[in-house]
Amino acid sequence: MTKAIYRREHEIFLQVLKRMRVESGMTQAQCSAALGRPQSFMSDVERGVRRLDIVQLRDLCLVLKTDLSSFSKTYEQTLKEG
């Protein structure tokens, strides 16, 4: 099996994260600050350099004024759309 970071699903995961951040009106710096992290944190996440665990993903969703369930639905829908 191909490593997750090289799979299409991972690329779409990163695209959805970035799209949700941009749509929320937050910059990487604002989002990172809200999480108590340096600006480079969101940059690294969006470039796929840093991976998030489920707890960090939930925290990020809350900062973006959404929840993990909504993120998951958006992610799954985006996968289906290709």
PDB file of N, CA and C in Angstrom:
ATOM      1  N   MET A   1       0.844  -1.176   0.000  1.00  0.00           N
ATOM      2  CA  MET A   1       0.000   0.000   0.000  1.00  0.00           C
ATOM      3  C   MET A   1       0.894   1.246   0.000  1.00  0.00           C
ATOM      4  N   THR A   2       0.518   2.222  -0.776  1.00  0.00           N
ATOM      5  CA  THR A   2       1.249   3.483  -0.874  1.00  0.00           C
ATOM      6  C   THR A   2       1.126   4.261   0.433  1.00  0.00           C
ATOM      7  N   LYS A   3       2.213   4.904   0.843  1.00  0.00           N
ATOM      8  CA  LYS A   3       2.166   5.735   2.049  1.00  0.00           C
ATOM      9  C   LYS A   3       1.099   6.806   1.883  1.00  0.00           C
ATOM     10  N   ALA A   4       0.411   7.106   2.970  1.00  0.00           N
ATOM     11  CA  ALA A   4      -0.715   8.042   2.928  1.00  0.00           C
ATOM     12  C   ALA A   4      -0.327   9.414   2.372  1.00  0.00           C
ATOM     13  N   ILE A   5       0.887   9.868   2.676  1.00  0.00           N
ATOM     14  CA  ILE A   5       1.263  11.215   2.233  1.00  0.00           C
ATOM     15  C   ILE A   5       1.386  11.327   0.723  1.00  0.00           C
ATOM     16  N   TYR A   6       1.455  10.185   0.036  1.00  0.00           N
ATOM     17  CA  TYR A   6       1.560  10.197  -1.420  1.00  0.00           C
ATOM     18  C   TYR A   6       0.239   9.884  -2.114  1.00  0.00           C
ATOM     19  N   ARG A   7      -0.783   9.654  -1.330  1.00  0.00           N
ATOM     20  CA  ARG A   7      -2.076   9.285  -1.908  1.00  0.00           C
ATOM     21  C   ARG A   7      -2.921  10.511  -2.232  1.00  0.00           C
ATOM     22  N   ARG A   8      -3.770  10.348  -3.202  1.00  0.00           N
ATOM     23  CA  ARG A   8      -4.698  11.399  -3.624  1.00  0.00           C
ATOM     24  C   ARG A   8      -5.548  11.874  -2.451  1.00  0.00           C
ATOM     25  N   GLU A   9      -5.955  10.960  -1.599  1.00  0.00           N
ATOM     26  CA  GLU A   9      -6.793  11.299  -0.455  1.00  0.00           C
ATOM     27  C   GLU A   9      -6.108  12.293   0.476  1.00  0.00           C
ATOM     28  N   HIS A  10      -4.799  12.152   0.633  1.00  0.00           N
ATOM     29  CA  HIS A  10      -4.063  13.076   1.493  1.00  0.00           C
ATOM     30  C   HIS A  10      -3.986  14.464   0.854  1.00  0.00           C
ATOM     31  N   GLU A  11      -3.765  14.496  -0.441  1.00  0.00           N
ATOM     32  CA  GLU A  11      -3.739  15.775  -1.156  1.00  0.00           C
ATOM     33  C   GLU A  11      -5.072  16.500  -1.013  1.00  0.00           C
ATOM     34  N   ILE A  12      -6.155  15.767  -1.147  1.00  0.00           N
ATOM     35  CA  ILE A  12      -7.490  16.364  -1.001  1.00  0.00           C
ATOM     36  C   ILE A  12      -7.728  16.803   0.438  1.00  0.00           C
ATOM     37  N   PHE A  13      -7.261  16.031   1.392  1.00  0.00           N
ATOM     38  CA  PHE A  13      -7.360  16.406   2.805  1.00  0.00           C
ATOM     39  C   PHE A  13      -6.729  17.782   3.027  1.00  0.00           C
ATOM     40  N   LEU A  14      -5.535  17.969   2.482  1.00  0.00           N
ATOM     41  CA  LEU A  14      -4.835  19.254   2.636  1.00  0.00           C
ATOM     42  C   LEU A  14      -5.583  20.374   1.916  1.00  0.00           C
ATOM     43  N   GLN A  15      -6.131  20.080   0.749  1.00  0.00           N
ATOM     44  CA  GLN A  15      -6.896  21.087   0.003  1.00  0.00           C
ATOM     45  C   GLN A  15      -8.127  21.527   0.792  1.00  0.00           C
ATOM     46  N   VAL A  16      -8.810  20.567   1.393  1.00  0.00           N
ATOM     47  CA  VAL A  16     -10.011  20.887   2.169  1.00  0.00           C
ATOM     48  C   VAL A  16      -9.646  21.726   3.394  1.00  0.00           C
ATOM     49  N   LEU A  17      -8.566  21.361   4.075  1.00  0.00           N
ATOM     50  CA  LEU A  17      -8.121  22.154   5.224  1.00  0.00           C
ATOM     51  C   LEU A  17      -7.859  23.604   4.825  1.00  0.00           C
ATOM     52  N   LYS A  18      -7.100  23.775   3.758  1.00  0.00           N
ATOM     53  CA  LYS A  18      -6.761  25.133   3.332  1.00  0.00           C
ATOM     54  C   LYS A  18      -8.005  25.895   2.895  1.00  0.00           C
ATOM     55  N   ARG A  19      -8.873  25.240   2.124  1.00  0.00           N
ATOM     56  CA  ARG A  19     -10.092  25.905   1.658  1.00  0.00           C
ATOM     57  C   ARG A  19     -10.947  26.358   2.841  1.00  0.00           C
ATOM     58  N   MET A  20     -11.080  25.512   3.847  1.00  0.00           N
ATOM     59  CA  MET A  20     -11.882  25.872   5.007  1.00  0.00           C
ATOM     60  C   MET A  20     -11.264  27.052   5.770  1.00  0.00           C
ATOM     61  N   ARG A  21      -9.930  27.062   5.857  1.00  0.00           N
ATOM     62  CA  ARG A  21      -9.274  28.188   6.527  1.00  0.00           C
ATOM     63  C   ARG A  21      -9.500  29.473   5.750  1.00  0.00           C
ATOM     64  N   VAL A  22      -9.292  29.428   4.442  1.00  0.00           N
ATOM     65  CA  VAL A  22      -9.462  30.618   3.607  1.00  0.00           C
ATOM     66  C   VAL A  22     -10.909  31.102   3.667  1.00  0.00           C
ATOM     67  N   GLU A  23     -11.855  30.182   3.568  1.00  0.00           N
ATOM     68  CA  GLU A  23     -13.274  30.550   3.611  1.00  0.00           C
ATOM     69  C   GLU A  23     -13.673  31.137   4.963  1.00  0.00           C
ATOM     70  N   SER A  24     -12.956  30.761   6.007  1.00  0.00           N
ATOM     71  CA  SER A  24     -13.253  31.317   7.333  1.00  0.00           C
ATOM     72  C   SER A  24     -12.738  32.745   7.462  1.00  0.00           C
ATOM     73  N   GLY A  25     -11.886  33.158   6.504  1.00  0.00           N
ATOM     74  CA  GLY A  25     -11.327  34.505   6.533  1.00  0.00           C
ATOM     75  C   GLY A  25     -10.074  34.627   7.378  1.00  0.00           C
ATOM     76  N   MET A  26      -9.535  33.505   7.820  1.00  0.00           N
ATOM     77  CA  MET A  26      -8.348  33.533   8.670  1.00  0.00           C
ATOM     78  C   MET A  26      -7.080  33.334   7.853  1.00  0.00           C
ATOM     79  N   THR A  27      -6.036  34.044   8.240  1.00  0.00           N
ATOM     80  CA  THR A  27      -4.726  33.813   7.654  1.00  0.00           C
ATOM     81  C   THR A  27      -4.070  32.632   8.387  1.00  0.00           C
ATOM     82  N   GLN A  28      -2.983  32.147   7.820  1.00  0.00           N
ATOM     83  CA  GLN A  28      -2.233  31.091   8.513  1.00  0.00           C
ATOM     84  C   GLN A  28      -1.776  31.580   9.881  1.00  0.00           C
ATOM     85  N   ALA A  29      -1.310  32.817   9.928  1.00  0.00           N
ATOM     86  CA  ALA A  29      -0.815  33.372  11.191  1.00  0.00           C
ATOM     87  C   ALA A  29      -1.930  33.458  12.236  1.00  0.00           C
ATOM     88  N   GLN A  30      -3.111  33.911  11.825  1.00  0.00           N
ATOM     89  CA  GLN A  30      -4.233  34.023  12.758  1.00  0.00           C
ATOM     90  C   GLN A  30      -4.674  32.647  13.260  1.00  0.00           C
ATOM     91  N   CYS A  31      -4.743  31.716  12.348  1.00  0.00           N
ATOM     92  CA  CYS A  31      -5.157  30.358  12.700  1.00  0.00           C
ATOM     93  C   CYS A  31      -4.146  29.722  13.660  1.00  0.00           C
ATOM     94  N   SER A  32      -2.878  29.852  13.325  1.00  0.00           N
ATOM     95  CA  SER A  32      -1.826  29.300  14.185  1.00  0.00           C
ATOM     96  C   SER A  32      -1.847  29.939  15.560  1.00  0.00           C
ATOM     97  N   ALA A  33      -2.013  31.260  15.595  1.00  0.00           N
ATOM     98  CA  ALA A  33      -2.050  31.976  16.876  1.00  0.00           C
ATOM     99  C   ALA A  33      -3.222  31.493  17.728  1.00  0.00           C
ATOM    100  N   ALA A  34      -4.370  31.271  17.102  1.00  0.00           N
ATOM    101  CA  ALA A  34      -5.547  30.794  17.830  1.00  0.00           C
ATOM    102  C   ALA A  34      -5.305  29.411  18.428  1.00  0.00           C
ATOM    103  N   LEU A  35      -4.404  28.665  17.799  1.00  0.00           N
ATOM    104  CA  LEU A  35      -4.050  27.332  18.303  1.00  0.00           C
ATOM    105  C   LEU A  35      -2.864  27.385  19.266  1.00  0.00           C
ATOM    106  N   GLY A  36      -2.328  28.597  19.467  1.00  0.00           N
ATOM    107  CA  GLY A  36      -1.178  28.743  20.352  1.00  0.00           C
ATOM    108  C   GLY A  36       0.115  28.248  19.735  1.00  0.00           C
ATOM    109  N   ARG A  37       0.185  28.305  18.411  1.00  0.00           N
ATOM    110  CA  ARG A  37       1.361  27.808  17.689  1.00  0.00           C
ATOM    111  C   ARG A  37       1.948  28.919  16.826  1.00  0.00           C
ATOM    112  N   PRO A  38       3.198  28.768  16.378  1.00  0.00           N
ATOM    113  CA  PRO A  38       3.784  29.773  15.482  1.00  0.00           C
ATOM    114  C   PRO A  38       3.145  29.694  14.095  1.00  0.00           C
ATOM    115  N   GLN A  39       3.252  30.764  13.313  1.00  0.00           N
ATOM    116  CA  GLN A  39       2.668  30.810  11.968  1.00  0.00           C
ATOM    117  C   GLN A  39       3.117  29.628  11.127  1.00  0.00           C
ATOM    118  N   SER A  40       4.344  29.212  11.299  1.00  0.00           N
ATOM    119  CA  SER A  40       4.876  28.111  10.494  1.00  0.00           C
ATOM    120  C   SER A  40       4.082  26.814  10.687  1.00  0.00           C
ATOM    121  N   PHE A  41       3.352  26.705  11.788  1.00  0.00           N
ATOM    122  CA  PHE A  41       2.561  25.494  12.038  1.00  0.00           C
ATOM    123  C   PHE A  41       1.550  25.268  10.920  1.00  0.00           C
ATOM    124  N   MET A  42       0.726  26.274  10.626  1.00  0.00           N
ATOM    125  CA  MET A  42      -0.289  26.106   9.577  1.00  0.00           C
ATOM    126  C   MET A  42       0.347  25.976   8.203  1.00  0.00           C
ATOM    127  N   SER A  43       1.416  26.680   7.982  1.00  0.00           N
ATOM    128  CA  SER A  43       2.130  26.552   6.711  1.00  0.00           C
ATOM    129  C   SER A  43       2.597  25.114   6.524  1.00  0.00           C
ATOM    130  N   ASP A  44       3.190  24.555   7.557  1.00  0.00           N
ATOM    131  CA  ASP A  44       3.675  23.172   7.487  1.00  0.00           C
ATOM    132  C   ASP A  44       2.531  22.178   7.307  1.00  0.00           C
ATOM    133  N   VAL A  45       1.421  22.413   7.989  1.00  0.00           N
ATOM    134  CA  VAL A  45       0.256  21.531   7.851  1.00  0.00           C
ATOM    135  C   VAL A  45      -0.266  21.571   6.417  1.00  0.00           C
ATOM    136  N   GLU A  46      -0.465  22.766   5.889  1.00  0.00           N
ATOM    137  CA  GLU A  46      -1.049  22.909   4.552  1.00  0.00           C
ATOM    138  C   GLU A  46      -0.123  22.408   3.448  1.00  0.00           C
ATOM    139  N   ARG A  47       1.164  22.397   3.695  1.00  0.00           N
ATOM    140  CA  ARG A  47       2.111  21.865   2.706  1.00  0.00           C
ATOM    141  C   ARG A  47       2.325  20.365   2.864  1.00  0.00           C
ATOM    142  N   GLY A  48       1.763  19.789   3.907  1.00  0.00           N
ATOM    143  CA  GLY A  48       1.904  18.358   4.128  1.00  0.00           C
ATOM    144  C   GLY A  48       3.184  17.971   4.840  1.00  0.00           C
ATOM    145  N   VAL A  49       3.900  18.960   5.354  1.00  0.00           N
ATOM    146  CA  VAL A  49       5.146  18.706   6.075  1.00  0.00           C
ATOM    147  C   VAL A  49       4.844  18.199   7.488  1.00  0.00           C
ATOM    148  N   ARG A  50       3.775  18.722   8.057  1.00  0.00           N
ATOM    149  CA  ARG A  50       3.365  18.341   9.413  1.00  0.00           C
ATOM    150  C   ARG A  50       1.997  17.677   9.336  1.00  0.00           C
ATOM    151  N   ARG A  51       1.870  16.560   9.994  1.00  0.00           N
ATOM    152  CA  ARG A  51       0.589  15.849  10.007  1.00  0.00           C
ATOM    153  C   ARG A  51      -0.143  16.134  11.310  1.00  0.00           C
ATOM    154  N   LEU A  52      -1.459  16.104  11.229  1.00  0.00           N
ATOM    155  CA  LEU A  52      -2.298  16.354  12.393  1.00  0.00           C
ATOM    156  C   LEU A  52      -2.845  15.045  12.931  1.00  0.00           C
ATOM    157  N   ASP A  53      -2.921  14.934  14.252  1.00  0.00           N
ATOM    158  CA  ASP A  53      -3.655  13.809  14.818  1.00  0.00           C
ATOM    159  C   ASP A  53      -5.117  14.236  14.966  1.00  0.00           C
ATOM    160  N   ILE A  54      -5.958  13.349  15.374  1.00  0.00           N
ATOM    161  CA  ILE A  54      -7.400  13.611  15.422  1.00  0.00           C
ATOM    162  C   ILE A  54      -7.734  14.727  16.413  1.00  0.00           C
ATOM    163  N   VAL A  55      -7.015  14.813  17.510  1.00  0.00           N
ATOM    164  CA  VAL A  55      -7.268  15.855  18.509  1.00  0.00           C
ATOM    165  C   VAL A  55      -6.892  17.222  17.938  1.00  0.00           C
ATOM    166  N   GLN A  56      -5.755  17.295  17.254  1.00  0.00           N
ATOM    167  CA  GLN A  56      -5.336  18.550  16.638  1.00  0.00           C
ATOM    168  C   GLN A  56      -6.302  18.960  15.528  1.00  0.00           C
ATOM    169  N   LEU A  57      -6.775  17.997  14.752  1.00  0.00           N
ATOM    170  CA  LEU A  57      -7.746  18.300  13.703  1.00  0.00           C
ATOM    171  C   LEU A  57      -9.029  18.856  14.310  1.00  0.00           C
ATOM    172  N   ARG A  58      -9.469  18.283  15.394  1.00  0.00           N
ATOM    173  CA  ARG A  58     -10.672  18.787  16.079  1.00  0.00           C
ATOM    174  C   ARG A  58     -10.457  20.213  16.572  1.00  0.00           C
ATOM    175  N   ASP A  59      -9.298  20.467  17.173  1.00  0.00           N
ATOM    176  CA  ASP A  59      -8.980  21.822  17.640  1.00  0.00           C
ATOM    177  C   ASP A  59      -8.992  22.807  16.470  1.00  0.00           C
ATOM    178  N   LEU A  60      -8.406  22.414  15.361  1.00  0.00           N
ATOM    179  CA  LEU A  60      -8.374  23.275  14.182  1.00  0.00           C
ATOM    180  C   LEU A  60      -9.786  23.549  13.674  1.00  0.00           C
ATOM    181  N   CYS A  61     -10.612  22.534  13.641  1.00  0.00           N
ATOM    182  CA  CYS A  61     -12.004  22.727  13.214  1.00  0.00           C
ATOM    183  C   CYS A  61     -12.715  23.746  14.098  1.00  0.00           C
ATOM    184  N   LEU A  62     -12.520  23.653  15.385  1.00  0.00           N
ATOM    185  CA  LEU A  62     -13.162  24.596  16.303  1.00  0.00           C
ATOM    186  C   LEU A  62     -12.689  26.025  16.060  1.00  0.00           C
ATOM    187  N   VAL A  63     -11.397  26.204  15.793  1.00  0.00           N
ATOM    188  CA  VAL A  63     -10.860  27.531  15.472  1.00  0.00           C
ATOM    189  C   VAL A  63     -11.507  28.063  14.200  1.00  0.00           C
ATOM    190  N   LEU A  64     -11.777  27.159  13.252  1.00  0.00           N
ATOM    191  CA  LEU A  64     -12.377  27.555  11.978  1.00  0.00           C
ATOM    192  C   LEU A  64     -13.899  27.640  12.048  1.00  0.00           C
ATOM    193  N   LYS A  65     -14.438  27.562  13.257  1.00  0.00           N
ATOM    194  CA  LYS A  65     -15.886  27.693  13.503  1.00  0.00           C
ATOM    195  C   LYS A  65     -16.693  26.582  12.818  1.00  0.00           C
ATOM    196  N   THR A  66     -16.146  25.390  12.863  1.00  0.00           N
ATOM    197  CA  THR A  66     -16.850  24.217  12.351  1.00  0.00           C
ATOM    198  C   THR A  66     -16.600  23.082  13.334  1.00  0.00           C
ATOM    199  N   ASP A  67     -16.994  21.895  12.981  1.00  0.00           N
ATOM    200  CA  ASP A  67     -16.723  20.752  13.848  1.00  0.00           C
ATOM    201  C   ASP A  67     -16.165  19.606  13.018  1.00  0.00           C
ATOM    202  N   LEU A  68     -15.678  18.612  13.698  1.00  0.00           N
ATOM    203  CA  LEU A  68     -15.034  17.481  13.046  1.00  0.00           C
ATOM    204  C   LEU A  68     -15.986  16.741  12.109  1.00  0.00           C
ATOM    205  N   SER A  69     -17.228  16.638  12.496  1.00  0.00           N
ATOM    206  CA  SER A  69     -18.225  15.972  11.672  1.00  0.00           C
ATOM    207  C   SER A  69     -18.436  16.715  10.353  1.00  0.00           C
ATOM    208  N   SER A  70     -18.544  18.024  10.412  1.00  0.00           N
ATOM    209  CA  SER A  70     -18.718  18.827   9.192  1.00  0.00           C
ATOM    210  C   SER A  70     -17.489  18.741   8.306  1.00  0.00           C
ATOM    211  N   PHE A  71     -16.307  18.761   8.926  1.00  0.00           N
ATOM    212  CA  PHE A  71     -15.078  18.622   8.149  1.00  0.00           C
ATOM    213  C   PHE A  71     -15.078  17.284   7.417  1.00  0.00           C
ATOM    214  N   SER A  72     -15.422  16.233   8.142  1.00  0.00           N
ATOM    215  CA  SER A  72     -15.432  14.896   7.561  1.00  0.00           C
ATOM    216  C   SER A  72     -16.407  14.800   6.390  1.00  0.00           C
ATOM    217  N   LYS A  73     -17.583  15.374   6.529  1.00  0.00           N
ATOM    218  CA  LYS A  73     -18.569  15.364   5.443  1.00  0.00           C
ATOM    219  C   LYS A  73     -18.042  16.113   4.224  1.00  0.00           C
ATOM    220  N   THR A  74     -17.423  17.262   4.449  1.00  0.00           N
ATOM    221  CA  THR A  74     -16.854  18.047   3.345  1.00  0.00           C
ATOM    222  C   THR A  74     -15.742  17.271   2.667  1.00  0.00           C
ATOM    223  N   TYR A  75     -14.900  16.644   3.455  1.00  0.00           N
ATOM    224  CA  TYR A  75     -13.795  15.848   2.929  1.00  0.00           C
ATOM    225  C   TYR A  75     -14.322  14.692   2.076  1.00  0.00           C
ATOM    226  N   GLU A  76     -15.279  13.955   2.594  1.00  0.00           N
ATOM    227  CA  GLU A  76     -15.844  12.813   1.857  1.00  0.00           C
ATOM    228  C   GLU A  76     -16.516  13.268   0.564  1.00  0.00           C
ATOM    229  N   GLN A  77     -17.235  14.378   0.615  1.00  0.00           N
ATOM    230  CA  GLN A  77     -17.893  14.896  -0.581  1.00  0.00           C
ATOM    231  C   GLN A  77     -16.858  15.306  -1.625  1.00  0.00           C
ATOM    232  N   THR A  78     -15.798  15.940  -1.192  1.00  0.00           N
ATOM    233  CA  THR A  78     -14.739  16.363  -2.111  1.00  0.00           C
ATOM    234  C   THR A  78     -14.062  15.153  -2.741  1.00  0.00           C
ATOM    235  N   LEU A  79     -13.876  14.098  -1.970  1.00  0.00           N
ATOM    236  CA  LEU A  79     -13.304  12.865  -2.526  1.00  0.00           C
ATOM    237  C   LEU A  79     -14.196  12.297  -3.630  1.00  0.00           C
ATOM    238  N   LYS A  80     -15.493  12.299  -3.387  1.00  0.00           N
ATOM    239  CA  LYS A  80     -16.440  11.768  -4.375  1.00  0.00           C
ATOM    240  C   LYS A  80     -16.445  12.586  -5.657  1.00  0.00           C
ATOM    241  N   GLU A  81     -16.279  13.902  -5.500  1.00  0.00           N
ATOM    242  CA  GLU A  81     -16.289  14.782  -6.666  1.00  0.00           C
ATOM    243  C   GLU A  81     -15.023  14.652  -7.494  1.00  0.00           C
ATOM    244  N   GLY A  82     -14.000  14.121  -6.854  1.00  0.00           N
ATOM    245  CA  GLY A  82     -12.750  13.844  -7.573  1.00  0.00           C
ATOM    246  C   GLY A  82     -11.893  15.008  -7.756  1.00  0.00           C
TER     247      GLY A  82
END
